[in-house]
Protein backbone atom coordinates (compact mmCIF):
# COMPACT_ATOMS: atom_id res chain seq x y z
CA UNK A 1 23.42 -7.03 17.65
CA UNK A 2 22.69 -9.23 14.67
CA UNK A 3 23.68 -8.31 11.11
CA UNK A 4 20.88 -6.87 8.89
CA UNK A 5 19.79 -9.06 6.74
CA UNK A 6 16.76 -7.99 4.93
CA UNK A 7 16.06 -4.11 5.69
CA UNK A 8 18.81 -1.50 4.22
CA UNK A 9 19.12 2.22 4.82
CA UNK A 10 19.45 3.51 1.05
CA UNK A 11 23.01 5.43 2.58
CA UNK A 12 24.46 1.75 3.70
CA UNK A 13 23.77 0.19 0.01
CA UNK A 14 25.95 0.13 -2.88
CA UNK A 15 24.57 -0.09 -6.40
CA UNK A 16 23.67 -4.21 -7.68
CA UNK A 17 21.54 -5.25 -10.53
CA UNK A 18 19.52 -7.31 -7.84
CA UNK A 19 18.34 -3.80 -5.75
CA UNK A 20 16.42 -3.13 -9.05
CA UNK A 21 16.20 0.46 -11.21
CA UNK A 22 14.35 2.50 -8.65
CA UNK A 23 16.69 1.34 -5.83
CA UNK A 24 19.79 1.89 -8.08
CA UNK A 25 18.34 5.21 -9.32
CA UNK A 26 18.19 6.61 -5.44
CA UNK A 27 21.53 5.05 -5.02
CA UNK A 28 23.26 7.47 -7.22
CA UNK A 29 21.03 10.29 -6.29
CA UNK A 30 22.65 10.44 -2.75
CA UNK A 31 25.93 9.56 -3.92
CA UNK A 32 25.06 12.31 -6.07
CA UNK A 33 24.69 14.88 -3.25
CA UNK A 34 20.57 14.88 -3.90
CA UNK A 35 18.70 15.52 -0.97
CA UNK A 36 16.37 12.46 -1.15
CA UNK A 37 13.94 11.79 1.78
CA UNK A 38 14.83 9.42 4.35
CA UNK A 39 14.19 5.91 3.24
CA UNK A 40 14.71 2.07 3.51
CA UNK A 41 14.38 -0.73 1.17
CA UNK A 42 13.44 -4.58 2.27
CA UNK A 43 15.37 -7.11 -0.19
CA UNK A 44 13.82 -9.20 -2.25
CA UNK A 45 15.00 -12.02 0.48
CA UNK A 46 12.46 -10.97 2.91
CA UNK A 47 9.56 -11.85 0.48
CA UNK A 48 11.53 -15.22 -0.36
CA UNK A 49 11.84 -15.91 2.72
CA UNK A 50 8.24 -15.23 3.98
CA UNK A 51 7.43 -17.96 1.17
CA UNK A 52 9.43 -20.46 2.73
CA UNK A 53 8.30 -19.69 6.25
CA UNK A 54 4.95 -19.47 5.30
CA UNK A 55 5.67 -22.98 3.44
CA UNK A 56 3.57 -20.90 0.82
CA UNK A 57 6.35 -22.11 -2.36
CA UNK A 58 4.55 -25.07 -3.02
CA UNK A 59 0.82 -23.60 -2.72
CA UNK A 60 1.82 -20.95 -5.22
CA UNK A 61 3.66 -23.55 -7.52
CA UNK A 62 0.70 -25.40 -7.78
CA UNK A 63 -1.66 -23.04 -8.24
CA UNK A 64 0.46 -21.45 -11.04
CA UNK A 65 0.70 -25.36 -12.37
CA UNK A 66 -3.25 -25.12 -13.08
CA UNK A 67 -3.69 -21.45 -14.73
CA UNK A 68 -5.17 -21.68 -18.07
CA UNK A 69 -3.37 -18.89 -19.89
CA UNK A 70 -5.86 -18.26 -22.41
CA UNK A 71 -8.65 -18.06 -20.38
CA UNK A 72 -8.26 -14.56 -18.27
CA UNK A 73 -10.82 -15.81 -15.64
CA UNK A 74 -8.62 -18.63 -14.93
CA UNK A 75 -5.62 -16.11 -14.55
CA UNK A 76 -7.83 -13.81 -12.26
CA UNK A 77 -9.00 -16.77 -10.34
CA UNK A 78 -5.27 -17.95 -9.55
CA UNK A 79 -4.16 -14.44 -8.60
CA UNK A 80 -7.05 -14.22 -6.09
CA UNK A 81 -6.13 -18.05 -4.56
CA UNK A 82 -2.73 -17.03 -4.14
CA UNK A 83 -3.35 -13.50 -2.54
CA UNK A 84 -5.65 -15.35 -0.14
CA UNK A 85 -2.36 -17.91 1.00
CA UNK A 86 -0.18 -14.37 1.61
CA UNK A 87 -3.35 -12.38 3.40
CA UNK A 88 -3.68 -14.64 5.77
CA UNK A 89 0.50 -15.78 6.58
CA UNK A 90 2.30 -13.67 8.66
CA UNK A 91 5.40 -12.20 8.36
CA UNK A 92 8.48 -14.14 10.07
CA UNK A 93 9.50 -12.48 13.37
CA UNK A 94 13.17 -11.87 11.78
CA UNK A 95 11.95 -10.16 8.52
CA UNK A 96 8.92 -8.44 10.70
CA UNK A 97 11.43 -7.14 13.83
CA UNK A 98 14.06 -5.32 10.96
CA UNK A 99 10.86 -3.59 9.11
CA UNK A 100 9.63 -2.29 12.55
CA UNK A 101 12.93 -1.05 13.29
CA UNK A 102 13.76 0.80 10.02
CA UNK A 103 9.91 2.43 10.27
CA UNK A 104 10.32 3.47 13.93
CA UNK A 105 13.88 5.51 13.01
CA UNK A 106 11.22 7.16 9.99
CA UNK A 107 9.50 8.85 12.81
CA UNK A 108 10.55 8.42 15.63
CA UNK A 109 9.75 7.71 19.23
CA UNK A 110 6.13 9.10 19.49
CA UNK A 111 5.22 9.61 16.07
CA UNK A 112 4.05 7.16 13.07
CA UNK A 113 5.96 8.19 9.79
CA UNK A 114 3.61 8.92 6.52
CA UNK A 115 5.25 6.53 4.40
CA UNK A 116 4.92 6.07 0.60
CA UNK A 117 5.84 2.51 -0.36
CA UNK A 118 6.79 1.08 -4.32
CA UNK A 119 8.48 -1.60 -5.64
CA UNK A 120 11.99 -1.35 -7.08
CA UNK A 121 11.09 -1.77 -11.13
CA UNK A 122 9.45 0.88 -12.70
CA UNK A 123 5.45 0.24 -12.83
CA UNK A 124 2.59 2.69 -13.72
CA UNK A 125 2.20 5.85 -11.46
CA UNK A 126 -0.74 4.21 -9.66
CA UNK A 127 1.87 1.45 -7.86
CA UNK A 128 2.73 3.41 -5.00
CA UNK A 129 0.73 3.71 -1.92
CA UNK A 130 1.31 6.31 1.38
CA UNK A 131 -0.05 4.16 4.92
CA UNK A 132 0.65 5.26 8.02
CA UNK A 133 1.50 2.75 11.22
CA UNK A 134 2.95 -0.49 11.39
CA UNK A 135 -0.33 -2.50 10.85
CA UNK A 136 -0.79 -0.71 7.94
CA UNK A 137 2.58 -0.80 6.69
CA UNK A 138 3.00 -4.43 7.10
CA UNK A 139 -0.50 -5.07 5.31
CA UNK A 140 0.63 -3.12 2.57
CA UNK A 141 3.69 -4.70 2.21
CA UNK A 142 2.25 -7.89 1.98
CA UNK A 143 -0.58 -6.87 -0.27
CA UNK A 144 2.41 -5.82 -2.79
CA UNK A 145 4.16 -8.97 -3.09
CA UNK A 146 0.35 -10.43 -3.79
CA UNK A 147 1.02 -7.81 -6.68
CA UNK A 148 3.02 -10.20 -7.92
CA UNK A 149 0.95 -12.86 -9.57
CA UNK A 150 -2.05 -10.21 -10.52
CA UNK A 151 -3.27 -10.40 -13.82
CA UNK A 152 -2.04 -6.90 -14.83
CA UNK A 153 1.29 -7.14 -13.18
CA UNK A 154 4.19 -9.35 -14.91
CA UNK A 155 6.39 -10.92 -12.33
CA UNK A 156 8.85 -9.34 -11.16
CA UNK A 157 11.75 -8.57 -8.68
CA UNK A 158 10.13 -7.84 -5.32
CA UNK A 159 12.35 -5.17 -3.44
CA UNK A 160 10.48 -2.65 -2.10
CA UNK A 161 11.09 0.66 -1.24
CA UNK A 162 9.68 2.43 1.94
CA UNK A 163 10.17 6.49 1.79
CA UNK A 164 8.96 8.67 4.50
CA UNK A 165 6.27 10.98 3.11
CA UNK A 166 7.48 15.08 3.22
CA UNK A 167 5.41 17.59 4.13
CA UNK A 168 5.58 20.98 1.48
CA UNK A 169 4.82 21.66 -1.79
CA UNK A 170 5.53 18.77 -4.61
CA UNK A 171 5.25 18.08 -8.42
CA UNK A 172 7.30 16.97 -11.33
CA UNK A 173 9.70 18.59 -13.40
CA UNK A 174 10.95 17.88 -16.95
CA UNK A 175 14.83 17.92 -17.37
CA UNK A 176 14.75 18.78 -21.39
CA UNK A 177 11.84 21.78 -21.59
CA UNK A 178 11.89 23.23 -18.57
CA UNK A 179 8.09 22.26 -17.55
CA UNK A 180 7.00 21.71 -13.78
CA UNK A 181 3.85 19.94 -12.98
CA UNK A 182 2.31 20.97 -9.96
CA UNK A 183 -0.70 22.18 -8.16
CA UNK A 184 1.30 24.51 -6.00
CA UNK A 185 1.93 28.38 -5.79
CA UNK A 186 5.77 28.60 -6.51
CA UNK A 187 7.70 31.59 -5.75
CA UNK A 188 10.28 33.25 -7.77
CA UNK A 189 13.28 31.48 -5.52
CA UNK A 190 11.44 28.67 -5.41
CA UNK A 191 11.94 28.23 -9.45
CA UNK A 192 15.38 29.12 -9.38
CA UNK A 193 15.99 26.49 -6.65
CA UNK A 194 14.55 23.69 -8.97
CA UNK A 195 16.35 25.54 -11.93
CA UNK A 196 19.91 24.92 -9.84
CA UNK A 197 18.85 21.28 -9.17
CA UNK A 198 17.82 20.33 -12.58
CA UNK A 199 21.26 22.07 -13.53
CA UNK A 200 22.99 19.46 -11.06
CA UNK A 201 20.95 16.88 -12.16
CA UNK A 202 21.69 17.44 -16.24
CA UNK A 203 25.66 17.21 -14.69
CA UNK A 204 24.73 13.59 -13.51
CA UNK A 205 22.16 11.83 -16.06
CA UNK A 206 22.46 12.48 -19.62
CA UNK A 207 19.26 11.26 -20.74
CA UNK A 208 15.96 13.42 -20.65
CA UNK A 209 14.45 12.77 -17.36
CA UNK A 210 10.89 13.60 -15.47
CA UNK A 211 11.56 14.52 -11.91
CA UNK A 212 9.43 14.23 -8.95
CA UNK A 213 10.51 16.62 -6.33
CA UNK A 214 9.67 18.05 -3.14
CA UNK A 215 10.43 21.65 -1.42
CA UNK A 216 10.40 20.73 2.32
CA UNK A 217 11.94 23.63 4.70
CA UNK A 218 13.22 25.90 1.63
CA UNK A 219 15.11 22.52 0.72
CA UNK A 220 14.62 20.93 -2.59
CA UNK A 221 14.03 16.85 -2.34
CA UNK A 222 14.46 14.56 -5.60
CA UNK A 223 11.54 11.58 -4.48
CA UNK A 224 12.22 9.77 -8.04
CA UNK A 225 12.84 10.12 -11.80
CA UNK A 226 12.23 8.39 -14.76
CA UNK A 227 12.61 8.55 -18.84
CA UNK A 228 10.56 12.27 -19.64
CA UNK A 229 6.35 11.46 -20.84
CA UNK A 230 4.55 14.63 -21.70
CA UNK A 231 2.94 16.91 -20.08
CA UNK A 232 -0.68 18.34 -20.53
CA UNK A 233 -2.55 20.91 -19.18
CA UNK A 234 -2.77 24.70 -19.14
CA UNK A 235 0.17 26.81 -18.33
CA UNK A 236 2.10 29.54 -16.60
CA UNK A 237 5.12 31.36 -17.46
CA UNK A 238 8.08 32.88 -15.14
CA UNK A 239 10.32 34.47 -17.64
CA UNK A 240 13.17 35.17 -14.97
CA UNK A 241 13.48 31.53 -14.82
CA UNK A 242 12.48 30.12 -18.48
CA UNK A 243 10.20 27.74 -16.74
CA UNK A 244 6.86 26.50 -17.55
CA UNK A 245 4.48 25.89 -14.82
CA UNK A 246 1.80 23.46 -15.57
CA UNK A 247 -1.36 23.25 -12.97
CA UNK A 248 -3.83 20.66 -12.43
CA UNK A 249 -6.48 21.97 -14.24
CA UNK A 250 -8.89 21.76 -11.13
CA UNK A 251 -6.88 24.37 -9.48
CA UNK A 252 -7.23 27.08 -12.20
CA UNK A 253 -9.86 29.73 -11.59
């Protein structure tokens, strides 16, 4: 069996600057024995070999050379042309095989897993996308690669993370102020489990973070982490755990 070249499970990776911030965060979390959803990483080499395999490097370089960066229309039109080239190109078989094999392991023989795909670098919250099925996954990967040339996105490391979507309750939590934002009703036991997770988290990560979490089958999973920002909205108090629980306003009566 040929060695993997493009796609790797989080458990098989060591921290490396080339992998990007989010991948390295997941590696740290796993090593510190936090639960994270089953995930795999598509390294940036896959993107660059995709360009080479479709002879897109010169075309993209030429298009970028024609951009008038003082005109928004010129930047937008160039991004559209590059997007068309990428969308119309096929992912080489060697890369395709590794991606699909890894995706199959997330769902099993009879199931196409729902997965969240996002870049390893830090972007806006809406930069992740949930997809299901081989075709949808491959299409989203190419769409993400095209985002590198979007006027609203800086050219960045194209390393991608594919993470299995968990069922159950989800939300965000602040490590410094013990605030939870969720649209779900949480029991006292669940808030205690979240508190235990935060206590452990603070021992490993010293600066304040927001944690995206999920509770699945009574286990707390860490999905993503990021430096803290403010939560808005109304709150409920669980005095037993000293947590403020913030709910989306449309879920409140």
